[in-house]
């Protein structure tokens, strides 16, 4: 899989984690929100590493989640 395709797949993961954060916030579970936010940052870092230092998701069409 090319770096661009991996970055696109990671964006979909990142978007899913973002939705989980929103649900955890609605539940009022701050510990879960924190854990998921850390996960979201790790996904962003991985995407940045795959795209040779370009800011995370700059090469990905982020207008749609899927």
Foldseek 3Di string as FASTA:
>chain_A
DALLVVLLVLLLVLVVLVVVLVVCVVVVPVVSNVVSVVVSVVSQVVNCVSVVNDGRCPSPDPPDSD
